[in-house]
């Protein structure tokens, strides 16, 4: 019986909250969305050069390993 009451209460509170916001977004939600969008763009801008450096390091390690198996294994672990 208690589970049914809790379920009904959660259902009603969810419906009331969804109707209270309506079709417009709250100012806090807009601010959070724009902030997260900015953070996502910064992460993409930083991760692209980092990936290029990692790949370049692996290529150079393979190039200068001169057939040494241990160095080739190290290069594979880095990439």
C-alpha atoms as a PDB file:
ATOM      1  CA  UNK A   1       0.000   0.000   0.000  1.00  0.00           C
ATOM      2  CA  UNK A   2       2.826   2.404   0.851  1.00  0.00           C
ATOM      3  CA  UNK A   3       4.501   1.824  -2.511  1.00  0.00           C
ATOM      4  CA  UNK A   4       1.317   2.812  -4.335  1.00  0.00           C
ATOM      5  CA  UNK A   5       0.994   6.008  -2.321  1.00  0.00           C
ATOM      6  CA  UNK A   6       4.624   6.937  -2.964  1.00  0.00           C
ATOM      7  CA  UNK A   7       4.231   6.186  -6.685  1.00  0.00           C
ATOM      8  CA  UNK A   8       1.082   8.331  -6.942  1.00  0.00           C
ATOM      9  CA  UNK A   9       2.768  11.165  -5.032  1.00  0.00           C
ATOM     10  CA  UNK A  10       5.819  11.070  -7.330  1.00  0.00           C
ATOM     11  CA  UNK A  11       3.604  10.965 -10.408  1.00  0.00           C
ATOM     12  CA  UNK A  12       1.546  13.948  -9.304  1.00  0.00           C
ATOM     13  CA  UNK A  13       4.611  15.970  -8.273  1.00  0.00           C
ATOM     14  CA  UNK A  14       6.293  15.229 -11.617  1.00  0.00           C
ATOM     15  CA  UNK A  15       3.228  16.358 -13.524  1.00  0.00           C
ATOM     16  CA  UNK A  16       2.926  19.532 -11.477  1.00  0.00           C
ATOM     17  CA  UNK A  17       6.585  20.386 -12.011  1.00  0.00           C
ATOM     18  CA  UNK A  18       6.382  19.774 -15.731  1.00  0.00           C
ATOM     19  CA  UNK A  19       3.316  21.997 -16.080  1.00  0.00           C
ATOM     20  CA  UNK A  20       4.795  24.741 -13.926  1.00  0.00           C
ATOM     21  CA  UNK A  21       7.722  25.255 -16.303  1.00  0.00           C
ATOM     22  CA  UNK A  22       5.543  25.288 -19.391  1.00  0.00           C
ATOM     23  CA  UNK A  23       7.008  25.787 -22.826  1.00  0.00           C
ATOM     24  CA  UNK A  24       9.565  28.386 -21.809  1.00  0.00           C
ATOM     25  CA  UNK A  25      12.888  27.545 -20.239  1.00  0.00           C
ATOM     26  CA  UNK A  26      13.907  29.012 -16.939  1.00  0.00           C
ATOM     27  CA  UNK A  27      16.778  31.499 -16.885  1.00  0.00           C
ATOM     28  CA  UNK A  28      18.911  29.089 -14.850  1.00  0.00           C
ATOM     29  CA  UNK A  29      18.442  26.338 -17.438  1.00  0.00           C
ATOM     30  CA  UNK A  30      19.482  28.671 -20.264  1.00  0.00           C
ATOM     31  CA  UNK A  31      22.559  29.754 -18.318  1.00  0.00           C
ATOM     32  CA  UNK A  32      23.554  26.159 -17.588  1.00  0.00           C
ATOM     33  CA  UNK A  33      23.042  25.127 -21.224  1.00  0.00           C
ATOM     34  CA  UNK A  34      25.187  27.960 -22.544  1.00  0.00           C
ATOM     35  CA  UNK A  35      27.871  27.258 -19.936  1.00  0.00           C
ATOM     36  CA  UNK A  36      27.994  23.564 -20.787  1.00  0.00           C
ATOM     37  CA  UNK A  37      28.155  24.405 -24.492  1.00  0.00           C
ATOM     38  CA  UNK A  38      31.172  26.643 -23.840  1.00  0.00           C
ATOM     39  CA  UNK A  39      32.887  23.941 -21.787  1.00  0.00           C
ATOM     40  CA  UNK A  40      32.272  21.388 -24.540  1.00  0.00           C
ATOM     41  CA  UNK A  41      33.837  23.659 -27.158  1.00  0.00           C
ATOM     42  CA  UNK A  42      36.896  24.271 -24.942  1.00  0.00           C
ATOM     43  CA  UNK A  43      37.378  20.546 -24.416  1.00  0.00           C
ATOM     44  CA  UNK A  44      37.213  19.910 -28.160  1.00  0.00           C
ATOM     45  CA  UNK A  45      39.701  22.722 -28.818  1.00  0.00           C
ATOM     46  CA  UNK A  46      42.140  21.281 -26.266  1.00  0.00           C
ATOM     47  CA  UNK A  47      41.751  17.606 -27.101  1.00  0.00           C
ATOM     48  CA  UNK A  48      42.435  17.925 -30.826  1.00  0.00           C
ATOM     49  CA  UNK A  49      46.058  19.118 -30.467  1.00  0.00           C
ATOM     50  CA  UNK A  50      46.617  16.653 -27.617  1.00  0.00           C
ATOM     51  CA  UNK A  51      45.546  13.773 -29.856  1.00  0.00           C
ATOM     52  CA  UNK A  52      47.822  15.023 -32.629  1.00  0.00           C
ATOM     53  CA  UNK A  53      50.778  15.163 -30.241  1.00  0.00           C
ATOM     54  CA  UNK A  54      50.083  11.623 -29.010  1.00  0.00           C
ATOM     55  CA  UNK A  55      49.858  10.238 -32.534  1.00  0.00           C
ATOM     56  CA  UNK A  56      52.962  12.147 -33.600  1.00  0.00           C
ATOM     57  CA  UNK A  57      54.899  10.807 -30.627  1.00  0.00           C
ATOM     58  CA  UNK A  58      53.906   7.250 -31.512  1.00  0.00           C
ATOM     59  CA  UNK A  59      54.924   7.707 -35.131  1.00  0.00           C
ATOM     60  CA  UNK A  60      58.297   9.166 -34.152  1.00  0.00           C
ATOM     61  CA  UNK A  61      58.918   6.365 -31.658  1.00  0.00           C
ATOM     62  CA  UNK A  62      58.237   3.797 -34.373  1.00  0.00           C
ATOM     63  CA  UNK A  63      60.448   5.657 -36.825  1.00  0.00           C
ATOM     64  CA  UNK A  64      63.392   5.851 -34.433  1.00  0.00           C
ATOM     65  CA  UNK A  65      63.044   2.384 -32.875  1.00  0.00           C
ATOM     66  CA  UNK A  66      65.323   0.902 -35.562  1.00  0.00           C
ATOM     67  CA  UNK A  67      63.683  -2.512 -35.252  1.00  0.00           C
ATOM     68  CA  UNK A  68      64.071  -2.768 -31.462  1.00  0.00           C
ATOM     69  CA  UNK A  69      61.079  -4.856 -30.353  1.00  0.00           C
ATOM     70  CA  UNK A  70      60.901  -3.324 -26.871  1.00  0.00           C
ATOM     71  CA  UNK A  71      60.588   0.195 -28.271  1.00  0.00           C
ATOM     72  CA  UNK A  72      57.874  -0.916 -30.700  1.00  0.00           C
ATOM     73  CA  UNK A  73      55.895  -2.416 -27.798  1.00  0.00           C
ATOM     74  CA  UNK A  74      56.332   0.853 -25.861  1.00  0.00           C
ATOM     75  CA  UNK A  75      55.032   2.792 -28.849  1.00  0.00           C
ATOM     76  CA  UNK A  76      51.955   0.559 -29.088  1.00  0.00           C
ATOM     77  CA  UNK A  77      51.233   1.082 -25.381  1.00  0.00           C
ATOM     78  CA  UNK A  78      51.365   4.868 -25.776  1.00  0.00           C
ATOM     79  CA  UNK A  79      48.950   4.879 -28.721  1.00  0.00           C
END
